[in-house]
Amino acid sequence: MLSFFRRKKPQDAATPDAPKTQHYSAEELAAAFPSAAPPEQAPAAPVAPPMVEAPVPAATPEVVAPATSTAPAPQAPLQTAQETIPEAAPARVLAPENFEAEAAAAAAVLAPLAPVIPAQEPAAPAADLPVLVDAPAAAAGKPGWRERLRNSAFARSFGGLFSRNPKLDDDLLDEIETALLTADVGVAATTDLIADLRKRMKAREFIDANALLAALRADLIAILQPVSKPLIIDRNAKPFVVLTVGVNGVGKTTTIGKLAKRFKDEGHSLMLAAGDTFRAAAVAQLQIWGERNGVAVVAQGQNADAASVAYDALQAGKARGTSVLIADTAGRLHTQSGLMNELGKIRRVLGKIDENAPHEVLMVIDGTTGQNALSQLRQFNAAVKVTGLVVTKLDGTAKGGVVFALAREFGIPIRFAGIGERPEDLRVFDPEAFVDALLPEALGTA
């Protein structure tokens, strides 16, 4: 037993050798550690950050490569940016997105597009320009009258009368007579026209209704031809004074604004006198027209003396060497003798500065008033000696025939006709264009 224990002691002593063997094995492991390192590196999951770092530098070289190409580098990050901003559909062009960092992306994108658009535009307008030039030229002539007056009741009545190819008989003359009376051509003028047509029809001068239509056209033009005298500005008169008169609501102030634009376009220097001191908005309205046309306006306070306003305006016009002075007046009924006498006072006051002033007394007549316009003109002519007429609102009235009655009874020149709301729709009166617009071009046409 003792020997056994004794033998066991050396074994115990050998046990310390075991650690030696373990030490050696550790050295061996240390020597063999490189081969055993991978298993230990596997637990080096904490080394995963280097694993993450490894892709990052892998991305950086990829970014560096696109940096030279400038296109692929932004693709991955910029696609995400495009997802946030769906409007960046042109983000396919990556270069502009790089410039977005410089706040110039939009400018970079628009810059290439701008030259492309103008390059196409000049080609198209080049072909359209002649058409655009021809269109206004045609509108300024007789077609413009027909367009504006086509919807008037006067034009519709005659258009319906001759569109059905009527027979040449007394019934046709009766229908023409009714249409003329309805349009306020006047009893006297209508009677003379129908009597002449009936006489010529019995003499067999008309082959058909088309020939009768041509004869009616010639007779209507003959009535208007003597009063077709455009307004001529005397350049020696400094200024040439135009006094506008008329009843309430005929459009005097608006007509003055349109005349101002016309005279301005013709090269005349202008001045306006706000003589309508009764209506609250009249002065402001005239001042607006003056601002639009770049024309000076002479005005005083509300309810000021209209003759005083006209006097001050004429003095200012002479001092400035103005070519044309247009004086507004308040609307008044022709039955109010006191107000009619005020017009006479304005005329006399202007004559104290210039014995020839006013050089033109322009009465504005509403074409919708019909035969009442005759009595209006009669009274105004007695008060201020009307020298010219402006007939407005002819494009939407059934009473346009009053123009023939005015021309036949008074013979006062019709200077302008209003056939629309635009400034260019105030036309110099043209008898042929006016009649052609009212009558159909031929049978079977409206």
Protein backbone atom coordinates (compact mmCIF):
# COMPACT_ATOMS: atom_id res chain seq x y z
CA MET A 1 0.00 0.00 0.00
CA LEU A 2 2.71 2.33 0.89
CA SER A 3 4.42 1.47 -2.29
CA PHE A 4 1.26 2.24 -4.06
CA PHE A 5 1.03 5.62 -2.50
CA ARG A 6 4.63 6.17 -3.14
CA ARG A 7 4.10 5.36 -6.73
CA LYS A 8 1.23 7.66 -6.79
CA LYS A 9 3.29 10.58 -5.60
CA PRO A 10 5.48 10.51 -8.64
CA GLN A 11 2.25 10.44 -10.55
CA ASP A 12 1.23 13.46 -8.58
CA ALA A 13 4.57 14.88 -9.46
CA ALA A 14 3.79 14.00 -12.96
CA THR A 15 0.66 15.95 -12.70
CA PRO A 16 2.65 19.12 -12.57
CA ASP A 17 4.22 17.83 -15.71
CA ALA A 18 0.77 17.61 -17.15
CA PRO A 19 0.54 21.32 -17.02
CA LYS A 20 3.87 21.30 -18.76
CA THR A 21 2.33 19.26 -21.45
CA GLN A 22 -0.58 21.63 -21.35
CA HIS A 23 1.86 24.51 -21.51
CA TYR A 24 3.43 22.96 -24.50
CA SER A 25 0.08 22.32 -25.92
CA ALA A 26 -0.63 25.99 -25.31
CA GLU A 27 2.55 26.88 -27.14
CA GLU A 28 1.60 24.49 -29.80
CA LEU A 29 -1.76 26.09 -29.82
CA ALA A 30 -0.05 29.43 -29.90
CA ALA A 31 2.11 28.20 -32.71
CA ALA A 32 -0.88 26.65 -34.34
CA PHE A 33 -3.03 29.66 -33.42
CA PRO A 34 -3.00 31.04 -36.90
CA SER A 35 -4.64 27.88 -38.09
CA ALA A 36 -6.94 27.92 -35.08
CA ALA A 37 -7.47 31.70 -35.42
CA PRO A 38 -10.45 31.46 -37.73
CA PRO A 39 -12.50 29.55 -35.20
CA GLU A 40 -11.53 32.18 -32.63
CA GLN A 41 -12.26 34.89 -35.19
CA ALA A 42 -15.68 33.46 -35.67
CA PRO A 43 -16.59 34.42 -32.15
CA ALA A 44 -15.06 37.69 -33.18
CA ALA A 45 -18.60 38.62 -34.14
CA PRO A 46 -17.78 41.84 -32.38
CA VAL A 47 -15.43 42.22 -35.29
CA ALA A 48 -18.70 42.57 -37.28
CA PRO A 49 -18.19 46.32 -37.19
CA PRO A 50 -15.10 45.85 -39.32
CA MET A 51 -17.35 43.69 -41.46
CA VAL A 52 -19.64 46.73 -41.71
CA GLU A 53 -16.66 48.96 -42.19
CA ALA A 54 -15.47 46.71 -44.98
CA PRO A 55 -18.63 47.35 -47.11
CA VAL A 56 -18.40 51.04 -46.38
CA PRO A 57 -14.97 51.35 -47.92
CA ALA A 58 -16.24 49.04 -50.62
CA ALA A 59 -18.93 51.65 -51.24
CA THR A 60 -16.42 54.43 -51.08
CA PRO A 61 -14.36 53.07 -53.92
CA GLU A 62 -17.59 52.72 -55.85
CA VAL A 63 -18.36 56.32 -55.05
CA VAL A 64 -14.87 57.32 -56.07
CA ALA A 65 -15.28 55.60 -59.40
CA PRO A 66 -18.56 57.43 -60.09
CA ALA A 67 -16.95 60.57 -58.82
CA THR A 68 -14.82 60.40 -61.93
CA SER A 69 -17.88 59.50 -63.98
CA THR A 70 -20.13 61.80 -61.85
CA ALA A 71 -23.14 59.89 -63.06
CA PRO A 72 -23.34 56.50 -61.22
CA ALA A 73 -22.26 57.80 -57.82
CA PRO A 74 -25.40 59.77 -57.14
CA GLN A 75 -27.65 57.05 -58.49
CA ALA A 76 -28.20 55.03 -55.32
CA PRO A 77 -28.63 57.98 -52.93
CA LEU A 78 -30.41 60.12 -55.45
CA GLN A 79 -32.97 57.49 -56.27
CA THR A 80 -34.04 57.62 -52.64
CA ALA A 81 -34.20 61.39 -52.95
CA GLN A 82 -36.39 60.98 -55.99
CA GLU A 83 -38.70 58.73 -54.04
CA THR A 84 -39.19 61.46 -51.48
CA ILE A 85 -39.85 63.99 -54.28
CA PRO A 86 -41.92 62.27 -56.97
CA GLU A 87 -41.93 65.42 -59.07
CA ALA A 88 -38.26 64.87 -59.84
CA ALA A 89 -39.14 62.67 -62.79
CA PRO A 90 -36.35 64.28 -64.77
CA ALA A 91 -34.06 63.08 -61.96
CA ARG A 92 -32.80 60.62 -64.50
CA VAL A 93 -30.53 63.40 -65.44
CA LEU A 94 -28.27 62.94 -62.45
CA ALA A 95 -26.03 65.87 -63.17
CA PRO A 96 -28.71 68.39 -62.21
CA GLU A 97 -29.21 66.57 -58.94
CA ASN A 98 -25.55 67.02 -58.12
CA PHE A 99 -26.11 70.68 -58.74
CA GLU A 100 -29.07 70.61 -56.41
CA ALA A 101 -26.50 70.63 -53.63
CA GLU A 102 -25.46 73.95 -55.13
CA ALA A 103 -29.10 75.12 -55.32
CA ALA A 104 -28.95 75.28 -59.10
CA ALA A 105 -30.69 72.09 -60.12
CA ALA A 106 -33.80 73.77 -61.49
CA ALA A 107 -31.77 76.28 -63.40
CA ALA A 108 -29.58 73.51 -64.81
CA VAL A 109 -32.63 71.57 -65.97
CA LEU A 110 -34.44 74.56 -67.44
CA ALA A 111 -31.36 75.88 -69.16
CA PRO A 112 -31.19 73.06 -71.68
CA LEU A 113 -34.95 73.04 -72.15
CA ALA A 114 -35.26 76.77 -72.81
CA PRO A 115 -33.27 76.77 -76.02
CA VAL A 116 -35.25 73.83 -77.34
CA ILE A 117 -38.60 75.61 -76.91
CA PRO A 118 -37.62 78.88 -78.55
CA ALA A 119 -36.03 76.91 -81.34
CA GLN A 120 -39.44 75.45 -82.13
CA GLU A 121 -41.43 78.61 -81.46
CA PRO A 122 -39.84 80.84 -84.06
CA ALA A 123 -40.57 78.28 -86.74
CA ALA A 124 -44.32 78.14 -85.98
CA PRO A 125 -44.94 81.86 -85.49
CA ALA A 126 -42.97 82.58 -88.60
CA ALA A 127 -45.71 80.88 -90.57
CA ASP A 128 -48.49 82.33 -88.43
CA LEU A 129 -47.37 85.94 -88.50
CA PRO A 130 -48.80 86.73 -91.91
CA VAL A 131 -52.11 85.23 -90.89
CA LEU A 132 -52.24 87.30 -87.73
CA VAL A 133 -51.49 90.43 -89.69
CA ASP A 134 -54.17 89.71 -92.27
CA ALA A 135 -56.84 89.02 -89.67
CA PRO A 136 -56.86 92.48 -88.09
CA ALA A 137 -56.69 94.06 -91.51
CA ALA A 138 -59.87 92.25 -92.50
CA ALA A 139 -61.55 93.05 -89.20
CA ALA A 140 -60.92 96.73 -89.78
CA GLY A 141 -62.90 96.70 -93.02
CA LYS A 142 -66.45 95.82 -93.96
CA PRO A 143 -66.34 92.28 -92.52
CA GLY A 144 -65.94 93.91 -89.10
CA TRP A 145 -69.22 95.76 -89.58
CA ARG A 146 -71.01 92.60 -90.65
CA GLU A 147 -69.69 90.67 -87.66
CA ARG A 148 -70.89 93.33 -85.24
CA LEU A 149 -74.27 94.07 -86.79
CA ARG A 150 -75.19 90.54 -87.79
CA ASN A 151 -77.09 89.96 -84.54
CA SER A 152 -79.01 93.23 -84.63
CA ALA A 153 -82.77 92.88 -85.02
CA PHE A 154 -82.65 95.02 -88.15
CA ALA A 155 -80.21 92.62 -89.85
CA ARG A 156 -82.14 89.56 -88.68
CA SER A 157 -85.44 90.85 -90.02
CA PHE A 158 -84.06 91.42 -93.51
CA GLY A 159 -82.02 88.23 -93.39
CA GLY A 160 -85.13 86.19 -92.67
CA LEU A 161 -87.10 88.06 -95.32
CA PHE A 162 -84.76 87.34 -98.22
CA SER A 163 -83.44 83.95 -97.12
CA ARG A 164 -86.53 82.14 -98.44
CA ASN A 165 -86.23 83.33 -102.07
CA PRO A 166 -89.49 85.31 -102.06
CA LYS A 167 -91.59 85.98 -105.13
CA LEU A 168 -91.47 89.40 -106.70
CA ASP A 169 -94.93 90.69 -105.83
CA ASP A 170 -96.80 93.20 -103.66
CA ASP A 171 -96.62 90.86 -100.67
CA LEU A 172 -92.84 91.14 -100.73
CA LEU A 173 -93.08 94.94 -100.75
CA ASP A 174 -95.48 94.82 -97.81
CA GLU A 175 -93.04 92.70 -95.82
CA ILE A 176 -90.17 95.07 -96.65
CA GLU A 177 -92.30 98.00 -95.52
CA THR A 178 -93.06 96.28 -92.21
CA ALA A 179 -89.38 95.52 -91.65
CA LEU A 180 -88.39 99.14 -92.32
CA LEU A 181 -91.03 100.54 -89.97
CA THR A 182 -90.11 98.05 -87.25
CA ALA A 183 -86.47 99.13 -87.51
CA ASP A 184 -87.51 102.79 -87.00
CA VAL A 185 -86.43 103.95 -90.42
CA GLY A 186 -89.36 106.33 -90.11
CA VAL A 187 -92.74 106.64 -91.79
CA ALA A 188 -91.69 109.29 -94.29
CA ALA A 189 -88.50 107.53 -95.37
CA THR A 190 -90.21 104.14 -95.54
CA THR A 191 -93.10 105.51 -97.60
CA ASP A 192 -90.72 107.04 -100.12
CA LEU A 193 -88.63 103.88 -100.38
CA ILE A 194 -91.59 101.56 -100.91
CA ALA A 195 -93.23 103.92 -103.40
CA ASP A 196 -90.06 104.01 -105.49
CA LEU A 197 -89.66 100.22 -105.40
CA ARG A 198 -93.32 99.64 -106.30
CA LYS A 199 -93.09 102.02 -109.23
CA ARG A 200 -89.99 100.35 -110.61
CA MET A 201 -91.43 96.89 -110.08
CA LYS A 202 -94.52 97.78 -112.11
CA ALA A 203 -92.21 99.10 -114.81
CA ARG A 204 -90.64 95.62 -114.82
CA GLU A 205 -87.19 96.90 -113.94
CA PHE A 206 -86.61 93.95 -111.60
CA ILE A 207 -86.06 90.51 -113.04
CA ASP A 208 -86.37 88.82 -109.66
CA ALA A 209 -86.28 89.51 -105.95
CA ASN A 210 -82.49 89.63 -106.06
CA ALA A 211 -82.65 92.66 -108.33
CA LEU A 212 -85.12 94.30 -105.94
CA LEU A 213 -82.70 93.65 -103.06
CA ALA A 214 -79.93 95.40 -104.99
CA ALA A 215 -82.22 98.38 -105.66
CA LEU A 216 -83.17 98.62 -101.97
CA ARG A 217 -79.49 98.57 -101.04
CA ALA A 218 -78.72 101.42 -103.44
CA ASP A 219 -81.64 103.51 -102.12
CA LEU A 220 -80.57 103.07 -98.49
CA ILE A 221 -76.97 104.04 -99.29
CA ALA A 222 -78.22 107.09 -101.17
CA ILE A 223 -79.99 108.31 -98.01
CA LEU A 224 -76.84 108.00 -95.90
CA GLN A 225 -74.25 109.16 -98.40
CA PRO A 226 -74.77 112.92 -97.85
CA VAL A 227 -74.12 112.61 -94.09
CA SER A 228 -70.99 110.50 -94.47
CA LYS A 229 -68.43 113.14 -93.52
CA PRO A 230 -65.61 112.09 -91.19
CA LEU A 231 -64.38 114.48 -88.53
CA ILE A 232 -61.29 116.39 -89.67
CA ILE A 233 -59.08 117.93 -87.00
CA ASP A 234 -57.89 121.44 -87.88
CA ARG A 235 -54.24 121.44 -86.83
CA ASN A 236 -54.12 125.23 -86.99
CA ALA A 237 -56.57 125.44 -84.08
CA LYS A 238 -54.61 125.01 -80.87
CA PRO A 239 -56.52 123.33 -79.41
CA PHE A 240 -59.31 121.97 -81.61
CA VAL A 241 -62.24 121.95 -79.16
CA VAL A 242 -64.79 119.13 -79.27
CA LEU A 243 -67.85 119.66 -77.04
CA THR A 244 -69.84 116.46 -76.41
CA VAL A 245 -73.53 116.65 -75.52
CA GLY A 246 -76.43 114.24 -75.15
CA VAL A 247 -79.10 112.91 -72.85
CA ASN A 248 -78.44 110.71 -69.82
CA GLY A 249 -77.05 107.24 -70.36
CA VAL A 250 -76.13 107.43 -74.05
CA GLY A 251 -72.43 106.77 -73.36
CA LYS A 252 -70.85 110.22 -73.68
CA THR A 253 -67.97 109.61 -71.27
CA THR A 254 -67.18 106.21 -72.78
CA THR A 255 -67.30 107.72 -76.25
CA ILE A 256 -64.86 110.43 -75.14
CA GLY A 257 -62.46 107.74 -73.91
CA LYS A 258 -62.64 105.91 -77.25
CA LEU A 259 -62.17 109.16 -79.18
CA ALA A 260 -59.16 109.98 -77.02
CA LYS A 261 -57.53 106.67 -77.94
CA ARG A 262 -58.28 107.22 -81.64
CA PHE A 263 -56.87 110.75 -81.68
CA LYS A 264 -53.87 109.65 -79.62
CA ASP A 265 -53.11 106.89 -82.11
CA GLU A 266 -53.33 109.45 -84.90
CA GLY A 267 -50.57 111.47 -83.26
CA HIS A 268 -52.60 114.30 -81.70
CA SER A 269 -51.76 115.71 -78.28
CA LEU A 270 -54.87 115.61 -76.11
CA MET A 271 -56.54 117.08 -73.07
CA LEU A 272 -59.88 116.14 -71.49
CA ALA A 273 -62.22 118.42 -69.53
CA ALA A 274 -64.39 116.71 -66.90
CA GLY A 275 -67.43 118.93 -67.39
CA ASP A 276 -69.94 116.38 -66.07
CA THR A 277 -69.87 117.64 -62.49
CA PHE A 278 -73.34 116.36 -61.66
CA ARG A 279 -72.95 112.57 -61.88
CA ALA A 280 -70.89 111.28 -58.97
CA ALA A 281 -68.66 108.85 -60.88
CA ALA A 282 -68.30 110.87 -64.07
CA VAL A 283 -65.06 112.66 -63.13
CA ALA A 284 -63.42 109.46 -61.85
CA GLN A 285 -64.51 107.59 -64.98
CA LEU A 286 -63.00 110.22 -67.26
CA GLN A 287 -59.79 110.22 -65.21
CA ILE A 288 -59.51 106.46 -65.69
CA TRP A 289 -59.81 106.91 -69.45
CA GLY A 290 -57.16 109.62 -69.24
CA GLU A 291 -54.77 107.31 -67.38
CA ARG A 292 -55.31 104.52 -69.90
CA ASN A 293 -54.50 106.78 -72.83
CA GLY A 294 -51.87 108.93 -71.13
CA VAL A 295 -53.99 112.07 -71.47
CA ALA A 296 -54.22 114.98 -69.02
CA VAL A 297 -57.64 115.61 -67.45
CA VAL A 298 -58.80 119.00 -66.14
CA ALA A 299 -61.34 118.56 -63.33
CA GLN A 300 -62.88 120.42 -60.40
CA GLY A 301 -64.94 119.36 -57.42
CA GLN A 302 -68.40 117.85 -57.38
CA ASN A 303 -71.20 120.18 -58.51
CA ALA A 304 -68.69 122.69 -59.87
CA ASP A 305 -69.70 125.02 -62.68
CA ALA A 306 -69.31 123.10 -65.95
CA ALA A 307 -68.63 126.31 -67.87
CA SER A 308 -65.78 127.11 -65.45
CA VAL A 309 -64.24 123.68 -66.02
CA ALA A 310 -64.39 124.14 -69.79
CA TYR A 311 -62.88 127.62 -69.49
CA ASP A 312 -59.94 126.40 -67.37
CA ALA A 313 -59.34 123.47 -69.70
CA LEU A 314 -59.23 125.67 -72.79
CA GLN A 315 -56.75 128.03 -71.13
CA ALA A 316 -54.56 125.09 -70.10
CA GLY A 317 -54.77 123.61 -73.59
CA LYS A 318 -53.65 126.86 -75.19
CA ALA A 319 -50.78 127.21 -72.72
CA ARG A 320 -49.53 123.71 -73.49
CA GLY A 321 -50.12 123.88 -77.23
CA THR A 322 -52.49 120.91 -77.11
CA SER A 323 -53.90 119.72 -80.44
CA VAL A 324 -57.32 118.51 -79.30
CA LEU A 325 -59.47 119.33 -76.26
CA ILE A 326 -62.51 117.13 -75.63
CA ALA A 327 -64.99 118.57 -73.12
CA ASP A 328 -67.51 116.35 -71.37
CA THR A 329 -70.91 117.61 -70.21
CA ALA A 330 -73.57 116.21 -67.91
CA GLY A 331 -76.41 114.27 -69.45
CA ARG A 332 -79.69 116.15 -69.55
CA LEU A 333 -83.15 115.64 -70.93
CA HIS A 334 -83.97 117.73 -73.94
CA THR A 335 -87.19 118.78 -72.20
CA GLN A 336 -85.36 120.56 -69.34
CA SER A 337 -84.96 124.09 -70.62
CA GLY A 338 -82.78 125.24 -67.72
CA LEU A 339 -80.19 122.56 -68.34
CA MET A 340 -80.33 123.14 -72.07
CA ASN A 341 -79.56 126.82 -71.47
CA GLU A 342 -76.48 125.75 -69.49
CA LEU A 343 -75.08 124.21 -72.67
CA GLY A 344 -75.48 127.56 -74.38
CA LYS A 345 -73.54 129.15 -71.53
CA ILE A 346 -70.65 126.70 -71.98
CA ARG A 347 -70.51 127.53 -75.66
CA ARG A 348 -70.43 131.27 -74.98
CA VAL A 349 -67.69 130.94 -72.33
CA LEU A 350 -65.48 128.97 -74.71
CA GLY A 351 -66.07 131.63 -77.36
CA LYS A 352 -64.58 134.29 -75.07
CA ILE A 353 -61.16 132.64 -75.36
CA ASP A 354 -61.47 131.42 -78.95
CA GLU A 355 -64.24 132.84 -81.10
CA ASN A 356 -64.30 129.63 -83.16
CA ALA A 357 -64.62 127.36 -80.13
CA PRO A 358 -66.10 124.88 -79.87
CA HIS A 359 -64.99 123.78 -83.32
CA GLU A 360 -67.14 120.65 -83.15
CA VAL A 361 -70.33 120.04 -81.15
CA LEU A 362 -70.64 116.27 -81.10
CA MET A 363 -73.98 114.86 -79.99
CA VAL A 364 -73.98 111.25 -78.81
CA ILE A 365 -77.22 109.41 -79.64
CA ASP A 366 -78.23 106.01 -78.32
CA GLY A 367 -79.24 103.85 -81.28
CA THR A 368 -81.79 102.03 -79.12
CA THR A 369 -83.95 105.14 -78.57
CA GLY A 370 -85.57 104.94 -81.98
CA GLN A 371 -87.70 107.85 -83.15
CA ASN A 372 -87.20 109.66 -79.83
CA ALA A 373 -83.71 110.50 -81.07
CA LEU A 374 -85.29 112.88 -83.59
CA SER A 375 -86.84 115.07 -80.89
CA GLN A 376 -83.62 114.96 -78.85
CA LEU A 377 -81.53 116.17 -81.76
CA ARG A 378 -84.07 118.85 -82.55
CA GLN A 379 -83.78 120.41 -79.07
CA PHE A 380 -80.00 120.07 -78.72
CA ASN A 381 -79.45 121.51 -82.16
CA ALA A 382 -81.51 124.57 -81.20
CA ALA A 383 -79.47 125.06 -78.00
CA VAL A 384 -75.86 124.52 -79.16
CA LYS A 385 -75.95 124.00 -82.95
CA VAL A 386 -74.89 120.37 -83.27
CA THR A 387 -72.30 119.83 -86.01
CA GLY A 388 -71.77 116.07 -85.81
CA LEU A 389 -73.36 112.87 -84.53
CA VAL A 390 -72.12 109.71 -82.86
CA VAL A 391 -74.68 106.88 -82.92
CA THR A 392 -73.87 104.22 -80.32
CA LYS A 393 -75.12 100.70 -79.46
CA LEU A 394 -76.02 99.82 -83.04
CA ASP A 395 -74.85 96.24 -82.56
CA GLY A 396 -77.69 95.17 -80.28
CA THR A 397 -80.76 97.14 -81.21
CA ALA A 398 -83.85 96.71 -83.34
CA LYS A 399 -83.99 100.46 -83.86
CA GLY A 400 -80.87 100.90 -85.98
CA GLY A 401 -82.99 102.30 -88.78
CA VAL A 402 -83.16 105.62 -86.91
CA VAL A 403 -79.87 106.46 -88.65
CA PHE A 404 -81.80 106.81 -91.93
CA ALA A 405 -84.43 109.01 -90.29
CA LEU A 406 -81.77 111.29 -88.76
CA ALA A 407 -79.94 111.62 -92.05
CA ARG A 408 -83.09 112.32 -94.02
CA GLU A 409 -84.55 114.96 -91.67
CA PHE A 410 -81.48 116.86 -90.42
CA GLY A 411 -78.62 116.14 -92.79
CA ILE A 412 -76.14 116.54 -89.91
CA PRO A 413 -72.93 114.54 -90.55
CA ILE A 414 -72.69 111.20 -88.78
CA ARG A 415 -69.06 111.15 -87.69
CA PHE A 416 -68.86 107.83 -85.87
CA ALA A 417 -70.91 104.70 -85.22
CA GLY A 418 -70.55 102.51 -82.14
CA ILE A 419 -70.86 98.84 -83.06
CA GLY A 420 -69.31 97.26 -79.96
CA GLU A 421 -67.76 97.83 -76.55
CA ARG A 422 -64.08 97.85 -77.50
CA PRO A 423 -62.34 101.15 -78.31
CA GLU A 424 -61.75 100.01 -81.88
CA ASP A 425 -65.49 99.37 -82.28
CA LEU A 426 -66.09 103.11 -82.52
CA ARG A 427 -65.85 103.28 -86.33
CA VAL A 428 -65.85 106.16 -88.74
CA PHE A 429 -69.32 105.99 -90.26
CA ASP A 430 -69.34 104.18 -93.61
CA PRO A 431 -72.75 104.08 -95.36
CA GLU A 432 -71.90 101.17 -97.65
CA ALA A 433 -70.44 99.05 -94.87
CA PHE A 434 -73.41 99.86 -92.64
CA VAL A 435 -76.04 98.94 -95.24
CA ASP A 436 -74.16 95.84 -96.38
CA ALA A 437 -74.05 94.65 -92.79
CA LEU A 438 -77.81 95.05 -92.39
CA LEU A 439 -78.90 93.45 -95.66
CA PRO A 440 -78.10 89.89 -96.76
CA GLU A 441 -75.42 89.56 -99.41
CA ALA A 442 -77.81 87.75 -101.74
CA LEU A 443 -80.98 85.72 -101.75
CA GLY A 444 -80.82 82.57 -99.72
CA THR A 445 -78.23 83.98 -97.30
CA ALA A 446 -78.92 85.13 -93.78
